[in-house]
Structure formats: structure tokens, C-alpha cells
């Protein structure tokens, strides 16, 4: 995860390939009257959404011990 404090980030052109497309960029965090907070989140759908998401989930499950006997 990469958090940006700038008002104009994340931007598709600048941030889509962070960490070879495997990063998730978050920015423009602000309070909201309907929800508690709102923000902009950017990920590279081809990489993160396809195999990248499955690998990340498997790593998380392994770290939490779901594959241990």
C-alpha cells in the first residue's frame, strides 16, 4: 500500500506501475458526511486483479496459519 498526501494523487498515469503494478495506491482521504471517510484507491487491474490478487490472498492466509495442520 502506498499512501499519498498530495491533493492530486493517486493518478493513473503516474502511479499504476508502482512496485511493478502490484501496489495499491491510496490518497485524497477526507471526512464525509454520509460515510465516516472517503478516499481514492488505484490498482493495476490486469496484474493485481488477476493472478496478483490470488497470490496476495494465499500469502495472507499462509501468514495467518490457515494452511498449518
PDB file of N, CA and C in Angstrom:
ATOM      1  N   UNK A   1       0.838  -1.176   0.000  1.00  0.00           N
ATOM      2  CA  UNK A   1       0.000   0.000   0.000  1.00  0.00           C
ATOM      3  C   UNK A   1       0.881   1.236   0.000  1.00  0.00           C
ATOM      4  N   UNK A   2       0.531   2.175  -0.828  1.00  0.00           N
ATOM      5  CA  UNK A   2       1.232   3.461  -0.880  1.00  0.00           C
ATOM      6  C   UNK A   2       0.210   4.557  -0.623  1.00  0.00           C
ATOM      7  N   UNK A   3       0.433   5.326   0.432  1.00  0.00           N
ATOM      8  CA  UNK A   3      -0.485   6.418   0.762  1.00  0.00           C
ATOM      9  C   UNK A   3       0.121   7.742   0.328  1.00  0.00           C
ATOM     10  N   UNK A   4      -0.662   8.536  -0.402  1.00  0.00           N
ATOM     11  CA  UNK A   4      -0.228   9.850  -0.873  1.00  0.00           C
ATOM     12  C   UNK A   4      -0.987  10.936  -0.124  1.00  0.00           C
ATOM     13  N   UNK A   5      -0.272  11.960   0.311  1.00  0.00           N
ATOM     14  CA  UNK A   5      -0.909  13.087   0.989  1.00  0.00           C
ATOM     15  C   UNK A   5      -1.216  14.236   0.033  1.00  0.00           C
ATOM     16  N   UNK A   6      -0.697  14.191  -1.186  1.00  0.00           N
ATOM     17  CA  UNK A   6      -0.957  15.247  -2.162  1.00  0.00           C
ATOM     18  C   UNK A   6      -2.429  15.243  -2.566  1.00  0.00           C
ATOM     19  N   UNK A   7      -2.975  16.418  -2.881  1.00  0.00           N
ATOM     20  CA  UNK A   7      -4.386  16.540  -3.256  1.00  0.00           C
ATOM     21  C   UNK A   7      -4.703  15.953  -4.624  1.00  0.00           C
ATOM     22  N   UNK A   8      -3.695  15.741  -5.455  1.00  0.00           N
ATOM     23  CA  UNK A   8      -3.940  15.257  -6.810  1.00  0.00           C
ATOM     24  C   UNK A   8      -3.437  13.833  -7.048  1.00  0.00           C
ATOM     25  N   UNK A   9      -3.229  13.079  -6.012  1.00  0.00           N
ATOM     26  CA  UNK A   9      -2.730  11.715  -6.152  1.00  0.00           C
ATOM     27  C   UNK A   9      -3.650  10.763  -5.429  1.00  0.00           C
ATOM     28  N   UNK A  10      -3.768   9.521  -5.852  1.00  0.00           N
ATOM     29  CA  UNK A  10      -3.031   8.871  -6.926  1.00  0.00           C
ATOM     30  C   UNK A  10      -3.560   9.259  -8.298  1.00  0.00           C
ATOM     31  N   UNK A  11      -2.683   9.125  -9.282  1.00  0.00           N
ATOM     32  CA  UNK A  11      -3.029   9.383 -10.679  1.00  0.00           C
ATOM     33  C   UNK A  11      -2.691   8.141 -11.495  1.00  0.00           C
ATOM     34  N   UNK A  12      -3.572   7.786 -12.389  1.00  0.00           N
ATOM     35  CA  UNK A  12      -3.370   6.581 -13.196  1.00  0.00           C
ATOM     36  C   UNK A  12      -2.041   6.602 -13.924  1.00  0.00           C
ATOM     37  N   UNK A  13      -1.749   7.674 -14.600  1.00  0.00           N
ATOM     38  CA  UNK A  13      -0.531   7.761 -15.409  1.00  0.00           C
ATOM     39  C   UNK A  13       0.732   7.644 -14.560  1.00  0.00           C
ATOM     40  N   UNK A  14       0.717   8.212 -13.369  1.00  0.00           N
ATOM     41  CA  UNK A  14       1.920   8.256 -12.533  1.00  0.00           C
ATOM     42  C   UNK A  14       2.067   7.056 -11.603  1.00  0.00           C
ATOM     43  N   UNK A  15       0.968   6.486 -11.149  1.00  0.00           N
ATOM     44  CA  UNK A  15       1.039   5.535 -10.041  1.00  0.00           C
ATOM     45  C   UNK A  15       0.624   4.105 -10.364  1.00  0.00           C
ATOM     46  N   UNK A  16       0.196   3.828 -11.578  1.00  0.00           N
ATOM     47  CA  UNK A  16      -0.316   2.488 -11.871  1.00  0.00           C
ATOM     48  C   UNK A  16       0.748   1.407 -11.833  1.00  0.00           C
ATOM     49  N   UNK A  17       2.002   1.742 -12.099  1.00  0.00           N
ATOM     50  CA  UNK A  17       3.053   0.731 -12.157  1.00  0.00           C
ATOM     51  C   UNK A  17       3.940   0.700 -10.913  1.00  0.00           C
ATOM     52  N   UNK A  18       3.505   1.296  -9.818  1.00  0.00           N
ATOM     53  CA  UNK A  18       4.296   1.229  -8.586  1.00  0.00           C
ATOM     54  C   UNK A  18       4.476  -0.224  -8.175  1.00  0.00           C
ATOM     55  N   UNK A  19       5.668  -0.562  -7.766  1.00  0.00           N
ATOM     56  CA  UNK A  19       6.013  -1.929  -7.370  1.00  0.00           C
ATOM     57  C   UNK A  19       5.632  -2.926  -8.460  1.00  0.00           C
ATOM     58  N   UNK A  20       5.962  -2.579  -9.697  1.00  0.00           N
ATOM     59  CA  UNK A  20       5.680  -3.418 -10.871  1.00  0.00           C
ATOM     60  C   UNK A  20       4.203  -3.726 -11.028  1.00  0.00           C
ATOM     61  N   UNK A  21       3.345  -2.803 -10.681  1.00  0.00           N
ATOM     62  CA  UNK A  21       1.909  -2.974 -10.840  1.00  0.00           C
ATOM     63  C   UNK A  21       1.234  -3.732  -9.721  1.00  0.00           C
ATOM     64  N   UNK A  22       1.979  -4.148  -8.705  1.00  0.00           N
ATOM     65  CA  UNK A  22       1.408  -4.945  -7.622  1.00  0.00           C
ATOM     66  C   UNK A  22       1.006  -4.103  -6.416  1.00  0.00           C
ATOM     67  N   UNK A  23       1.248  -2.810  -6.448  1.00  0.00           N
ATOM     68  CA  UNK A  23       0.915  -1.938  -5.319  1.00  0.00           C
ATOM     69  C   UNK A  23      -0.516  -1.419  -5.435  1.00  0.00           C
ATOM     70  N   UNK A  24      -1.059  -1.027  -4.323  1.00  0.00           N
ATOM     71  CA  UNK A  24      -2.337  -0.320  -4.278  1.00  0.00           C
ATOM     72  C   UNK A  24      -2.034   1.079  -3.768  1.00  0.00           C
ATOM     73  N   UNK A  25      -2.440   2.093  -4.531  1.00  0.00           N
ATOM     74  CA  UNK A  25      -2.194   3.484  -4.166  1.00  0.00           C
ATOM     75  C   UNK A  25      -3.460   4.094  -3.584  1.00  0.00           C
ATOM     76  N   UNK A  26      -3.309   4.779  -2.468  1.00  0.00           N
ATOM     77  CA  UNK A  26      -4.445   5.380  -1.774  1.00  0.00           C
ATOM     78  C   UNK A  26      -4.137   6.853  -1.536  1.00  0.00           C
ATOM     79  N   UNK A  27      -5.151   7.703  -1.695  1.00  0.00           N
ATOM     80  CA  UNK A  27      -4.958   9.122  -1.458  1.00  0.00           C
ATOM     81  C   UNK A  27      -6.278   9.851  -1.352  1.00  0.00           C
ATOM     82  N   UNK A  28      -6.180  11.175  -1.198  1.00  0.00           N
ATOM     83  CA  UNK A  28      -7.344  12.058  -1.083  1.00  0.00           C
ATOM     84  C   UNK A  28      -8.291  11.630   0.036  1.00  0.00           C
ATOM     85  N   UNK A  29      -7.735  11.169   1.127  1.00  0.00           N
ATOM     86  CA  UNK A  29      -8.528  10.773   2.294  1.00  0.00           C
ATOM     87  C   UNK A  29      -9.147  12.010   2.927  1.00  0.00           C
ATOM     88  N   UNK A  30     -10.447  11.960   3.150  1.00  0.00           N
ATOM     89  CA  UNK A  30     -11.135  13.105   3.756  1.00  0.00           C
ATOM     90  C   UNK A  30     -12.385  12.626   4.478  1.00  0.00           C
ATOM     91  N   UNK A  31     -12.814  13.415   5.429  1.00  0.00           N
ATOM     92  CA  UNK A  31     -14.038  13.092   6.156  1.00  0.00           C
ATOM     93  C   UNK A  31     -15.239  13.293   5.247  1.00  0.00           C
ATOM     94  N   UNK A  32     -16.317  12.563   5.549  1.00  0.00           N
ATOM     95  CA  UNK A  32     -17.512  12.615   4.726  1.00  0.00           C
ATOM     96  C   UNK A  32     -18.731  12.685   5.632  1.00  0.00           C
ATOM     97  N   UNK A  33     -19.786  13.345   5.171  1.00  0.00           N
ATOM     98  CA  UNK A  33     -20.992  13.473   5.994  1.00  0.00           C
ATOM     99  C   UNK A  33     -21.871  12.231   5.931  1.00  0.00           C
ATOM    100  N   UNK A  34     -21.802  11.471   4.850  1.00  0.00           N
ATOM    101  CA  UNK A  34     -22.603  10.250   4.722  1.00  0.00           C
ATOM    102  C   UNK A  34     -21.864   9.061   5.317  1.00  0.00           C
ATOM    103  N   UNK A  35     -20.623   8.875   4.881  1.00  0.00           N
ATOM    104  CA  UNK A  35     -19.763   7.827   5.424  1.00  0.00           C
ATOM    105  C   UNK A  35     -18.787   8.500   6.375  1.00  0.00           C
ATOM    106  N   UNK A  36     -18.043   7.739   7.117  1.00  0.00           N
ATOM    107  CA  UNK A  36     -17.061   8.352   8.004  1.00  0.00           C
ATOM    108  C   UNK A  36     -15.947   9.027   7.208  1.00  0.00           C
ATOM    109  N   UNK A  37     -15.433   8.314   6.212  1.00  0.00           N
ATOM    110  CA  UNK A  37     -14.349   8.830   5.379  1.00  0.00           C
ATOM    111  C   UNK A  37     -14.574   8.404   3.938  1.00  0.00           C
ATOM    112  N   UNK A  38     -13.948   9.135   3.025  1.00  0.00           N
ATOM    113  CA  UNK A  38     -13.901   8.706   1.636  1.00  0.00           C
ATOM    114  C   UNK A  38     -12.483   8.915   1.129  1.00  0.00           C
ATOM    115  N   UNK A  39     -12.113   8.156   0.088  1.00  0.00           N
ATOM    116  CA  UNK A  39     -10.753   8.197  -0.426  1.00  0.00           C
ATOM    117  C   UNK A  39     -10.741   7.685  -1.860  1.00  0.00           C
ATOM    118  N   UNK A  40      -9.598   7.846  -2.521  1.00  0.00           N
ATOM    119  CA  UNK A  40      -9.380   7.325  -3.859  1.00  0.00           C
ATOM    120  C   UNK A  40      -8.376   6.189  -3.747  1.00  0.00           C
ATOM    121  N   UNK A  41      -8.692   5.093  -4.400  1.00  0.00           N
ATOM    122  CA  UNK A  41      -7.832   3.912  -4.376  1.00  0.00           C
ATOM    123  C   UNK A  41      -7.543   3.505  -5.821  1.00  0.00           C
ATOM    124  N   UNK A  42      -6.289   3.212  -6.142  1.00  0.00           N
ATOM    125  CA  UNK A  42      -5.888   2.868  -7.500  1.00  0.00           C
ATOM    126  C   UNK A  42      -5.057   1.598  -7.478  1.00  0.00           C
ATOM    127  N   UNK A  43      -5.416   0.647  -8.330  1.00  0.00           N
ATOM    128  CA  UNK A  43      -4.600  -0.556  -8.504  1.00  0.00           C
ATOM    129  C   UNK A  43      -4.550  -0.893  -9.986  1.00  0.00           C
ATOM    130  N   UNK A  44      -3.559  -1.662 -10.368  1.00  0.00           N
ATOM    131  CA  UNK A  44      -3.413  -2.089 -11.760  1.00  0.00           C
ATOM    132  C   UNK A  44      -4.271  -3.336 -11.929  1.00  0.00           C
ATOM    133  N   UNK A  45      -5.435  -3.193 -12.544  1.00  0.00           N
ATOM    134  CA  UNK A  45      -6.417  -4.271 -12.590  1.00  0.00           C
ATOM    135  C   UNK A  45      -5.899  -5.529 -13.280  1.00  0.00           C
ATOM    136  N   UNK A  46      -5.118  -5.391 -14.330  1.00  0.00           N
ATOM    137  CA  UNK A  46      -4.632  -6.565 -15.049  1.00  0.00           C
ATOM    138  C   UNK A  46      -3.721  -7.414 -14.183  1.00  0.00           C
ATOM    139  N   UNK A  47      -2.859  -6.775 -13.412  1.00  0.00           N
ATOM    140  CA  UNK A  47      -1.933  -7.529 -12.575  1.00  0.00           C
ATOM    141  C   UNK A  47      -2.526  -7.844 -11.212  1.00  0.00           C
ATOM    142  N   UNK A  48      -2.964  -6.841 -10.498  1.00  0.00           N
ATOM    143  CA  UNK A  48      -3.483  -7.045  -9.147  1.00  0.00           C
ATOM    144  C   UNK A  48      -4.790  -7.824  -9.185  1.00  0.00           C
ATOM    145  N   UNK A  49      -5.648  -7.535 -10.145  1.00  0.00           N
ATOM    146  CA  UNK A  49      -6.955  -8.171 -10.185  1.00  0.00           C
ATOM    147  C   UNK A  49      -6.918  -9.610 -10.641  1.00  0.00           C
ATOM    148  N   UNK A  50      -5.935  -9.990 -11.426  1.00  0.00           N
ATOM    149  CA  UNK A  50      -5.880 -11.347 -11.944  1.00  0.00           C
ATOM    150  C   UNK A  50      -5.069 -12.223 -10.994  1.00  0.00           C
ATOM    151  N   UNK A  51      -3.905 -12.623 -11.397  1.00  0.00           N
ATOM    152  CA  UNK A  51      -3.096 -13.525 -10.584  1.00  0.00           C
ATOM    153  C   UNK A  51      -2.569 -12.850  -9.327  1.00  0.00           C
ATOM    154  N   UNK A  52      -2.302 -11.549  -9.404  1.00  0.00           N
ATOM    155  CA  UNK A  52      -1.738 -10.848  -8.250  1.00  0.00           C
ATOM    156  C   UNK A  52      -2.615 -10.915  -7.025  1.00  0.00           C
ATOM    157  N   UNK A  53      -3.918 -10.785  -7.196  1.00  0.00           N
ATOM    158  CA  UNK A  53      -4.840 -10.863  -6.067  1.00  0.00           C
ATOM    159  C   UNK A  53      -4.859 -12.241  -5.438  1.00  0.00           C
ATOM    160  N   UNK A  54      -4.801 -13.283  -6.259  1.00  0.00           N
ATOM    161  CA  UNK A  54      -4.794 -14.654  -5.744  1.00  0.00           C
ATOM    162  C   UNK A  54      -3.520 -14.943  -4.959  1.00  0.00           C
ATOM    163  N   UNK A  55      -2.391 -14.492  -5.480  1.00  0.00           N
ATOM    164  CA  UNK A  55      -1.127 -14.698  -4.771  1.00  0.00           C
ATOM    165  C   UNK A  55      -1.125 -13.941  -3.453  1.00  0.00           C
ATOM    166  N   UNK A  56      -1.587 -12.705  -3.456  1.00  0.00           N
ATOM    167  CA  UNK A  56      -1.636 -11.914  -2.231  1.00  0.00           C
ATOM    168  C   UNK A  56      -2.533 -12.577  -1.185  1.00  0.00           C
ATOM    169  N   UNK A  57      -3.687 -13.089  -1.607  1.00  0.00           N
ATOM    170  CA  UNK A  57      -4.594 -13.756  -0.678  1.00  0.00           C
ATOM    171  C   UNK A  57      -3.962 -15.030  -0.119  1.00  0.00           C
ATOM    172  N   UNK A  58      -3.282 -15.801  -0.956  1.00  0.00           N
ATOM    173  CA  UNK A  58      -2.616 -17.017  -0.484  1.00  0.00           C
ATOM    174  C   UNK A  58      -1.531 -16.688   0.533  1.00  0.00           C
ATOM    175  N   UNK A  59      -0.776 -15.627   0.293  1.00  0.00           N
ATOM    176  CA  UNK A  59       0.256 -15.217   1.247  1.00  0.00           C
ATOM    177  C   UNK A  59      -0.365 -14.790   2.573  1.00  0.00           C
ATOM    178  N   UNK A  60      -1.467 -14.079   2.529  1.00  0.00           N
ATOM    179  CA  UNK A  60      -2.151 -13.656   3.749  1.00  0.00           C
ATOM    180  C   UNK A  60      -2.669 -14.860   4.531  1.00  0.00           C
ATOM    181  N   UNK A  61      -3.309 -15.806   3.843  1.00  0.00           N
ATOM    182  CA  UNK A  61      -3.829 -16.999   4.513  1.00  0.00           C
ATOM    183  C   UNK A  61      -2.699 -17.822   5.122  1.00  0.00           C
ATOM    184  N   UNK A  62      -1.577 -17.933   4.417  1.00  0.00           N
ATOM    185  CA  UNK A  62      -0.434 -18.664   4.956  1.00  0.00           C
ATOM    186  C   UNK A  62       0.117 -17.972   6.198  1.00  0.00           C
ATOM    187  N   UNK A  63       0.209 -16.650   6.166  1.00  0.00           N
ATOM    188  CA  UNK A  63       0.720 -15.900   7.317  1.00  0.00           C
ATOM    189  C   UNK A  63      -0.195 -16.038   8.526  1.00  0.00           C
ATOM    190  N   UNK A  64      -1.497 -16.190   8.293  1.00  0.00           N
ATOM    191  CA  UNK A  64      -2.449 -16.340   9.396  1.00  0.00           C
ATOM    192  C   UNK A  64      -2.592 -17.786   9.848  1.00  0.00           C
ATOM    193  N   UNK A  65      -1.858 -18.712   9.206  1.00  0.00           N
ATOM    194  CA  UNK A  65      -1.847 -20.097   9.645  1.00  0.00           C
ATOM    195  C   UNK A  65      -2.963 -20.972   9.114  1.00  0.00           C
ATOM    196  N   UNK A  66      -3.673 -20.552   8.095  1.00  0.00           N
ATOM    197  CA  UNK A  66      -4.775 -21.353   7.562  1.00  0.00           C
ATOM    198  C   UNK A  66      -4.298 -22.634   6.890  1.00  0.00           C
ATOM    199  N   UNK A  67      -3.034 -22.698   6.477  1.00  0.00           N
ATOM    200  CA  UNK A  67      -2.526 -23.889   5.811  1.00  0.00           C
ATOM    201  C   UNK A  67      -1.791 -24.811   6.772  1.00  0.00           C
ATOM    202  N   UNK A  68      -1.641 -24.408   8.028  1.00  0.00           N
ATOM    203  CA  UNK A  68      -0.974 -25.245   9.026  1.00  0.00           C
ATOM    204  C   UNK A  68      -1.917 -26.346   9.487  1.00  0.00           C
ATOM    205  N   UNK A  69      -1.334 -27.460   9.875  1.00  0.00           N
ATOM    206  CA  UNK A  69      -2.173 -28.563  10.383  1.00  0.00           C
ATOM    207  C   UNK A  69      -2.194 -28.559  11.871  1.00  0.00           C
TER     208      UNK A  69
END
